[in-house]
Amino acid sequence: MIPNFCKDKDLAVYKDHRFLNWRFFERPDVKYECYLSTAGSNIKGYVVMKLFHDTITNKKKAHIVDMHYIDRESFDNLIVNAFRFARGCDELNTWVFEDSHYHKELARYGFQLKESSPFIVYIHETMKPQCGRAENWFFSLGDNDVF
């Protein structure tokens, strides 16, 4: 069973095993790879990967499409698998909010901010109390329809 990795986030997409299967593994048009970090039968984290050939730059890219973990050991196991998956690629990338916990963990492995796309959102007045602070939001590449 997938734990609720985002329970401490103010705004995030809830992802249980049904959602993950529907979003990534039941799609006939895109191939994803998933790696787990486990302790016995407990899932401590996962990373979903995808290859992409950028025809504009003629570069082969590996995307970390979705990633959640509960501790540093799990993160380390998952990122090692991400690097293995990306072997032969020109680039390994993902989306993170600058200065987020994910950003700090990725920076330990040499990831650097490449470009910034401002994230702009309108929150209706009635939803503001439920959305919390933007610093405590989580979105990944897999949370949109492009990836």
C-alpha atoms as a PDB file:
ATOM      1  CA  MET A   1       0.000   0.000   0.000  1.00  0.00           C
ATOM      2  CA  ILE A   2       1.235   3.490  -0.859  1.00  0.00           C
ATOM      3  CA  PRO A   3       1.393   5.754   2.206  1.00  0.00           C
ATOM      4  CA  ASN A   4       0.025   9.275   1.977  1.00  0.00           C
ATOM      5  CA  PHE A   5       3.317  11.069   1.303  1.00  0.00           C
ATOM      6  CA  CYS A   6       1.622  14.465   1.005  1.00  0.00           C
ATOM      7  CA  LYS A   7      -0.349  14.460   4.248  1.00  0.00           C
ATOM      8  CA  ASP A   8       1.836  17.288   5.616  1.00  0.00           C
ATOM      9  CA  LYS A   9       1.409  19.442   2.483  1.00  0.00           C
ATOM     10  CA  ASP A  10      -1.130  22.245   2.338  1.00  0.00           C
ATOM     11  CA  LEU A  11      -1.872  21.617  -1.346  1.00  0.00           C
ATOM     12  CA  ALA A  12      -0.983  18.509  -3.362  1.00  0.00           C
ATOM     13  CA  VAL A  13      -2.546  15.824  -5.531  1.00  0.00           C
ATOM     14  CA  TYR A  14      -3.568  12.828  -3.404  1.00  0.00           C
ATOM     15  CA  LYS A  15      -2.009   9.717  -4.926  1.00  0.00           C
ATOM     16  CA  ASP A  16      -3.008   6.254  -3.863  1.00  0.00           C
ATOM     17  CA  HIS A  17      -2.206   3.048  -5.768  1.00  0.00           C
ATOM     18  CA  ARG A  18      -5.343   3.401  -7.932  1.00  0.00           C
ATOM     19  CA  PHE A  19      -4.388   6.913  -9.012  1.00  0.00           C
ATOM     20  CA  LEU A  20      -0.751   5.954  -9.712  1.00  0.00           C
ATOM     21  CA  ASN A  21      -1.784   2.962 -11.819  1.00  0.00           C
ATOM     22  CA  TRP A  22      -4.351   5.028 -13.747  1.00  0.00           C
ATOM     23  CA  ARG A  23      -2.009   8.001 -14.275  1.00  0.00           C
ATOM     24  CA  PHE A  24       1.190   6.187 -15.195  1.00  0.00           C
ATOM     25  CA  PHE A  25       0.822   2.488 -15.862  1.00  0.00           C
ATOM     26  CA  GLU A  26      -2.511   2.163 -17.642  1.00  0.00           C
ATOM     27  CA  ARG A  27      -1.562   4.765 -20.279  1.00  0.00           C
ATOM     28  CA  PRO A  28      -1.025   3.018 -23.600  1.00  0.00           C
ATOM     29  CA  ASP A  29       0.705   6.019 -25.239  1.00  0.00           C
ATOM     30  CA  VAL A  30       3.604   6.591 -22.787  1.00  0.00           C
ATOM     31  CA  LYS A  31       6.023   4.191 -21.096  1.00  0.00           C
ATOM     32  CA  TYR A  32       6.982   4.916 -17.492  1.00  0.00           C
ATOM     33  CA  GLU A  33       9.365   3.104 -15.156  1.00  0.00           C
ATOM     34  CA  CYS A  34       8.795   3.003 -11.408  1.00  0.00           C
ATOM     35  CA  TYR A  35      11.303   2.251  -8.671  1.00  0.00           C
ATOM     36  CA  LEU A  36      10.404   1.623  -5.040  1.00  0.00           C
ATOM     37  CA  SER A  37      12.258   2.048  -1.792  1.00  0.00           C
ATOM     38  CA  THR A  38      11.016  -0.524   0.688  1.00  0.00           C
ATOM     39  CA  ALA A  39      11.612  -1.870   4.178  1.00  0.00           C
ATOM     40  CA  GLY A  40      10.170  -5.357   4.233  1.00  0.00           C
ATOM     41  CA  SER A  41       6.667  -5.030   2.822  1.00  0.00           C
ATOM     42  CA  ASN A  42       6.437  -1.295   3.598  1.00  0.00           C
ATOM     43  CA  ILE A  43       6.850   1.235   0.804  1.00  0.00           C
ATOM     44  CA  LYS A  44       9.090   4.087   1.949  1.00  0.00           C
ATOM     45  CA  GLY A  45       9.171   5.915  -1.360  1.00  0.00           C
ATOM     46  CA  TYR A  46       8.822   5.748  -5.120  1.00  0.00           C
ATOM     47  CA  VAL A  47      10.106   7.481  -8.217  1.00  0.00           C
ATOM     48  CA  VAL A  48       8.409   7.433 -11.637  1.00  0.00           C
ATOM     49  CA  MET A  49      10.685   7.976 -14.651  1.00  0.00           C
ATOM     50  CA  LYS A  50      10.140   8.691 -18.342  1.00  0.00           C
ATOM     51  CA  LEU A  51      12.449   9.047 -21.348  1.00  0.00           C
ATOM     52  CA  PHE A  52      11.953  11.857 -23.847  1.00  0.00           C
ATOM     53  CA  HIS A  53      13.736  12.770 -27.068  1.00  0.00           C
ATOM     54  CA  ASP A  54      13.692  16.534 -27.552  1.00  0.00           C
ATOM     55  CA  THR A  55      13.540  17.005 -31.329  1.00  0.00           C
ATOM     56  CA  ILE A  56      14.324  20.722 -31.053  1.00  0.00           C
ATOM     57  CA  THR A  57      17.623  20.266 -29.205  1.00  0.00           C
ATOM     58  CA  ASN A  58      18.187  16.680 -30.357  1.00  0.00           C
ATOM     59  CA  LYS A  59      18.829  15.700 -26.734  1.00  0.00           C
ATOM     60  CA  LYS A  60      17.714  12.583 -24.939  1.00  0.00           C
ATOM     61  CA  LYS A  61      16.207  13.519 -21.576  1.00  0.00           C
ATOM     62  CA  ALA A  62      15.162  11.501 -18.555  1.00  0.00           C
ATOM     63  CA  HIS A  63      12.379  13.018 -16.476  1.00  0.00           C
ATOM     64  CA  ILE A  64      11.699  12.344 -12.819  1.00  0.00           C
ATOM     65  CA  VAL A  65       7.960  12.574 -13.335  1.00  0.00           C
ATOM     66  CA  ASP A  66       6.892  11.891  -9.757  1.00  0.00           C
ATOM     67  CA  MET A  67       8.792  11.178  -6.554  1.00  0.00           C
ATOM     68  CA  HIS A  68       7.878  10.827  -2.912  1.00  0.00           C
ATOM     69  CA  TYR A  69       9.813   9.428   0.029  1.00  0.00           C
ATOM     70  CA  ILE A  70       9.680   9.406   3.815  1.00  0.00           C
ATOM     71  CA  ASP A  71      13.357   9.728   4.730  1.00  0.00           C
ATOM     72  CA  ARG A  72      16.814  10.511   3.374  1.00  0.00           C
ATOM     73  CA  GLU A  73      17.767   6.840   2.984  1.00  0.00           C
ATOM     74  CA  SER A  74      14.719   6.285   0.762  1.00  0.00           C
ATOM     75  CA  PHE A  75      15.554   9.384  -1.269  1.00  0.00           C
ATOM     76  CA  ASP A  76      19.143   8.192  -1.747  1.00  0.00           C
ATOM     77  CA  ASN A  77      17.965   4.766  -2.968  1.00  0.00           C
ATOM     78  CA  LEU A  78      15.491   6.335  -5.379  1.00  0.00           C
ATOM     79  CA  ILE A  79      17.869   8.914  -6.841  1.00  0.00           C
ATOM     80  CA  VAL A  80      20.508   6.235  -7.486  1.00  0.00           C
ATOM     81  CA  ASN A  81      17.881   4.351  -9.512  1.00  0.00           C
ATOM     82  CA  ALA A  82      16.959   7.567 -11.336  1.00  0.00           C
ATOM     83  CA  PHE A  83      20.597   8.054 -12.338  1.00  0.00           C
ATOM     84  CA  ARG A  84      20.788   4.441 -13.546  1.00  0.00           C
ATOM     85  CA  PHE A  85      17.628   4.941 -15.586  1.00  0.00           C
ATOM     86  CA  ALA A  86      19.099   8.118 -17.101  1.00  0.00           C
ATOM     87  CA  ARG A  87      22.342   6.443 -18.183  1.00  0.00           C
ATOM     88  CA  GLY A  88      23.020   7.473 -21.787  1.00  0.00           C
ATOM     89  CA  CYS A  89      20.801  10.560 -21.542  1.00  0.00           C
ATOM     90  CA  ASP A  90      21.985  14.129 -21.975  1.00  0.00           C
ATOM     91  CA  GLU A  91      19.908  15.368 -19.059  1.00  0.00           C
ATOM     92  CA  LEU A  92      18.031  14.214 -15.963  1.00  0.00           C
ATOM     93  CA  ASN A  93      15.416  16.722 -14.792  1.00  0.00           C
ATOM     94  CA  THR A  94      12.285  17.335 -12.750  1.00  0.00           C
ATOM     95  CA  TRP A  95      10.140  20.152 -11.348  1.00  0.00           C
ATOM     96  CA  VAL A  96      10.654  21.443  -7.822  1.00  0.00           C
ATOM     97  CA  PHE A  97       9.782  24.573  -5.932  1.00  0.00           C
ATOM     98  CA  GLU A  98      12.953  26.530  -5.208  1.00  0.00           C
ATOM     99  CA  ASP A  99      14.115  26.145  -1.597  1.00  0.00           C
ATOM    100  CA  SER A 100      11.731  23.235  -1.009  1.00  0.00           C
ATOM    101  CA  HIS A 101      12.842  20.097   0.787  1.00  0.00           C
ATOM    102  CA  TYR A 102      12.960  18.281  -2.577  1.00  0.00           C
ATOM    103  CA  HIS A 103      15.162  21.018  -4.038  1.00  0.00           C
ATOM    104  CA  LYS A 104      17.632  20.694  -1.147  1.00  0.00           C
ATOM    105  CA  GLU A 105      17.811  16.911  -1.457  1.00  0.00           C
ATOM    106  CA  LEU A 106      18.363  17.056  -5.226  1.00  0.00           C
ATOM    107  CA  ALA A 107      21.058  19.724  -4.795  1.00  0.00           C
ATOM    108  CA  ARG A 108      23.063  17.234  -2.684  1.00  0.00           C
ATOM    109  CA  TYR A 109      23.391  15.175  -5.880  1.00  0.00           C
ATOM    110  CA  GLY A 110      24.442  18.099  -8.050  1.00  0.00           C
ATOM    111  CA  PHE A 111      21.062  19.133  -9.463  1.00  0.00           C
ATOM    112  CA  GLN A 112      20.918  22.831 -10.246  1.00  0.00           C
ATOM    113  CA  LEU A 113      18.101  25.180 -11.122  1.00  0.00           C
ATOM    114  CA  LYS A 114      18.205  25.503 -14.881  1.00  0.00           C
ATOM    115  CA  GLU A 115      15.324  27.833 -15.580  1.00  0.00           C
ATOM    116  CA  SER A 116      12.471  29.281 -13.664  1.00  0.00           C
ATOM    117  CA  SER A 117       8.839  29.265 -14.674  1.00  0.00           C
ATOM    118  CA  PRO A 118       6.801  31.414 -12.315  1.00  0.00           C
ATOM    119  CA  PHE A 119       3.939  29.465 -10.869  1.00  0.00           C
ATOM    120  CA  ILE A 120       0.909  31.684 -10.788  1.00  0.00           C
ATOM    121  CA  VAL A 121      -2.420  30.703  -9.335  1.00  0.00           C
ATOM    122  CA  TYR A 122      -5.689  32.373  -8.418  1.00  0.00           C
ATOM    123  CA  ILE A 123      -7.249  31.108  -5.218  1.00  0.00           C
ATOM    124  CA  HIS A 124     -10.847  32.041  -4.568  1.00  0.00           C
ATOM    125  CA  GLU A 125     -11.407  33.761  -1.236  1.00  0.00           C
ATOM    126  CA  THR A 126     -13.383  30.807   0.152  1.00  0.00           C
ATOM    127  CA  MET A 127     -10.485  28.405  -0.567  1.00  0.00           C
ATOM    128  CA  LYS A 128      -7.613  30.450   0.933  1.00  0.00           C
ATOM    129  CA  PRO A 129      -7.829  28.973   4.435  1.00  0.00           C
ATOM    130  CA  GLN A 130      -7.629  25.447   3.002  1.00  0.00           C
ATOM    131  CA  CYS A 131      -4.713  26.072   0.602  1.00  0.00           C
ATOM    132  CA  GLY A 132      -2.198  27.234   3.177  1.00  0.00           C
ATOM    133  CA  ARG A 133       1.197  28.643   2.230  1.00  0.00           C
ATOM    134  CA  ALA A 134       2.628  28.162  -1.277  1.00  0.00           C
ATOM    135  CA  GLU A 135       5.942  27.066   0.288  1.00  0.00           C
ATOM    136  CA  ASN A 136       4.109  23.986   1.512  1.00  0.00           C
ATOM    137  CA  TRP A 137       2.579  22.951  -1.809  1.00  0.00           C
ATOM    138  CA  PHE A 138       3.776  20.012  -3.883  1.00  0.00           C
ATOM    139  CA  PHE A 139       3.431  19.531  -7.635  1.00  0.00           C
ATOM    140  CA  SER A 140       5.356  17.226  -9.947  1.00  0.00           C
ATOM    141  CA  LEU A 141       5.685  16.788 -13.712  1.00  0.00           C
ATOM    142  CA  GLY A 142       3.164  13.969 -13.443  1.00  0.00           C
ATOM    143  CA  ASP A 143       0.530  16.293 -12.032  1.00  0.00           C
ATOM    144  CA  ASN A 144      -0.136  17.792 -15.465  1.00  0.00           C
ATOM    145  CA  ASP A 145      -1.360  16.255 -18.700  1.00  0.00           C
ATOM    146  CA  VAL A 146       1.789  16.905 -20.748  1.00  0.00           C
ATOM    147  CA  PHE A 147       4.001  14.325 -19.073  1.00  0.00           C
END
